[in-house]
Amino acid sequence: MMNMKFAFAVFLMVAFINTEVEGKSKADKKAAGEEIERLVAIGQSNDVEMERISKQKDSLDSQLQRMNAKRDSIKAQITRILDDNLPIKRISSRRDYSFSEDEKEMIPKCCPWVIWCCIG
């Protein structure tokens, strides 16, 4: 009789534990499902945000190309003006330093290409 009661008690404990585990399992499944839904929603909002950022990047890339073209155009204009107004004579060797006074006035004190260090 004692073994029967003990066996019945063990049976009830196992049944209770199984019910509890199944209950937790269902709750865990529900929580996992909710977590998956939340993560999917976050992923979808990230996709929308990445699409928006991609469009902004494309717009900024085209703006950058236009600005680079403007900069190159301005550099070309400055170079043309400097070449027209301040011609730079190339010195082939150190012995070629015999300039007339007029030529010395034509040679700028600072090489105009130094300007590119400041603006380029």
Protein backbone atom coordinates (compact mmCIF):
# COMPACT_ATOMS: atom_id res chain seq x y z
CA MET A 1 0.00 0.00 0.00
CA MET A 2 2.83 2.33 0.82
CA ASN A 3 4.38 1.63 -2.55
CA MET A 4 1.06 2.41 -4.21
CA LYS A 5 0.77 5.75 -2.46
CA PHE A 6 4.37 6.51 -3.26
CA ALA A 7 3.89 5.53 -6.90
CA PHE A 8 0.72 7.62 -7.07
CA ALA A 9 2.52 10.59 -5.51
CA VAL A 10 5.36 10.20 -8.00
CA PHE A 11 2.83 9.99 -10.81
CA LEU A 12 1.09 13.17 -9.63
CA MET A 13 4.43 14.97 -9.26
CA VAL A 14 5.50 13.95 -12.76
CA ALA A 15 2.11 14.99 -14.15
CA PHE A 16 2.32 18.31 -12.30
CA ILE A 17 5.89 18.90 -13.52
CA ASN A 18 4.92 18.01 -17.09
CA THR A 19 1.97 20.39 -16.92
CA GLU A 20 4.21 23.10 -15.55
CA VAL A 21 6.85 22.48 -18.22
CA GLU A 22 4.23 22.47 -20.95
CA GLY A 23 2.80 25.70 -19.54
CA LYS A 24 6.22 27.28 -19.50
CA SER A 25 6.87 25.90 -22.93
CA LYS A 26 3.72 27.53 -24.28
CA ALA A 27 4.57 30.77 -22.52
CA ASP A 28 8.12 30.56 -23.84
CA LYS A 29 6.80 29.88 -27.34
CA LYS A 30 4.46 32.85 -27.06
CA ALA A 31 7.28 35.07 -25.79
CA ALA A 32 9.58 33.81 -28.54
CA GLY A 33 6.87 34.49 -31.13
CA GLU A 34 6.39 38.01 -29.80
CA GLU A 35 10.16 38.55 -29.82
CA ILE A 36 10.35 37.34 -33.43
CA GLU A 37 7.51 39.69 -34.42
CA ARG A 38 9.26 42.57 -32.68
CA LEU A 39 12.56 41.78 -34.43
CA VAL A 40 10.82 41.49 -37.81
CA ALA A 41 9.21 44.90 -37.26
CA ILE A 42 12.61 46.37 -36.35
CA GLY A 43 14.12 44.78 -39.47
CA GLN A 44 11.37 46.25 -41.66
CA SER A 45 11.84 49.72 -40.19
CA ASN A 46 15.61 49.35 -40.73
CA ASP A 47 14.97 48.46 -44.38
CA VAL A 48 12.85 51.59 -44.82
CA GLU A 49 15.51 53.72 -43.12
CA MET A 50 18.30 52.21 -45.23
CA GLU A 51 16.32 52.93 -48.41
CA ARG A 52 15.89 56.56 -47.31
CA ILE A 53 19.60 56.85 -46.49
CA SER A 54 20.52 55.26 -49.83
CA LYS A 55 18.47 57.89 -51.66
CA GLN A 56 20.15 60.64 -49.63
CA LYS A 57 23.57 59.17 -50.43
CA ASP A 58 22.79 59.14 -54.16
CA SER A 59 21.68 62.77 -53.95
CA LEU A 60 24.81 63.75 -52.00
CA ASP A 61 27.03 61.88 -54.47
CA SER A 62 25.57 63.85 -57.38
CA GLN A 63 25.97 67.11 -55.42
CA LEU A 64 29.59 66.19 -54.71
CA GLN A 65 30.23 65.55 -58.40
CA ARG A 66 28.75 68.95 -59.31
CA MET A 67 30.84 70.68 -56.63
CA ASN A 68 34.02 68.92 -57.85
CA ALA A 69 33.24 70.01 -61.41
CA LYS A 70 32.76 73.62 -60.22
CA ARG A 71 36.03 73.46 -58.28
CA ASP A 72 37.88 72.11 -61.31
CA SER A 73 36.36 74.85 -63.48
CA ILE A 74 37.42 77.54 -61.00
CA LYS A 75 40.94 76.09 -60.80
CA ALA A 76 41.14 76.11 -64.60
CA GLN A 77 40.01 79.75 -64.73
CA ILE A 78 42.53 80.77 -62.06
CA THR A 79 45.28 78.88 -63.88
CA ARG A 80 44.38 80.58 -67.16
CA ILE A 81 44.39 84.03 -65.51
CA LEU A 82 47.71 83.34 -63.79
CA ASP A 83 49.26 82.01 -67.01
CA ASP A 84 48.01 85.04 -68.95
CA ASN A 85 49.08 87.66 -66.41
CA LEU A 86 52.04 86.07 -64.62
CA PRO A 87 53.89 83.80 -67.03
CA ILE A 88 56.27 81.47 -65.26
CA LYS A 89 59.57 80.98 -67.01
CA ARG A 90 61.16 77.64 -66.50
CA ILE A 91 64.78 77.79 -65.45
CA SER A 92 66.69 74.99 -67.12
CA SER A 93 69.84 75.34 -65.03
CA ARG A 94 71.22 77.53 -62.28
CA ARG A 95 73.37 79.41 -64.81
CA ASP A 96 70.29 80.98 -66.42
CA TYR A 97 69.85 83.64 -63.74
CA SER A 98 70.77 86.55 -65.98
CA PHE A 99 67.42 88.32 -66.33
CA SER A 100 66.93 91.87 -67.43
CA GLU A 101 65.19 94.25 -65.04
CA ASP A 102 61.94 93.94 -67.00
CA GLU A 103 62.06 90.16 -66.79
CA LYS A 104 62.78 90.27 -63.04
CA GLU A 105 59.63 92.33 -62.54
CA MET A 106 57.63 89.77 -64.52
CA ILE A 107 58.70 86.88 -62.29
CA PRO A 108 56.42 86.76 -59.27
CA LYS A 109 57.90 86.74 -55.79
CA CYS A 110 55.92 83.62 -54.98
CA CYS A 111 55.16 80.86 -57.41
CA PRO A 112 51.43 80.99 -58.26
CA TRP A 113 51.24 77.22 -57.93
CA VAL A 114 51.67 77.70 -54.20
CA ILE A 115 48.11 79.01 -54.31
CA TRP A 116 46.91 75.44 -54.91
CA CYS A 117 48.31 74.48 -51.54
CA CYS A 118 45.88 76.94 -50.00
CA ILE A 119 42.76 76.27 -52.09
CA GLY A 120 43.21 72.74 -53.38
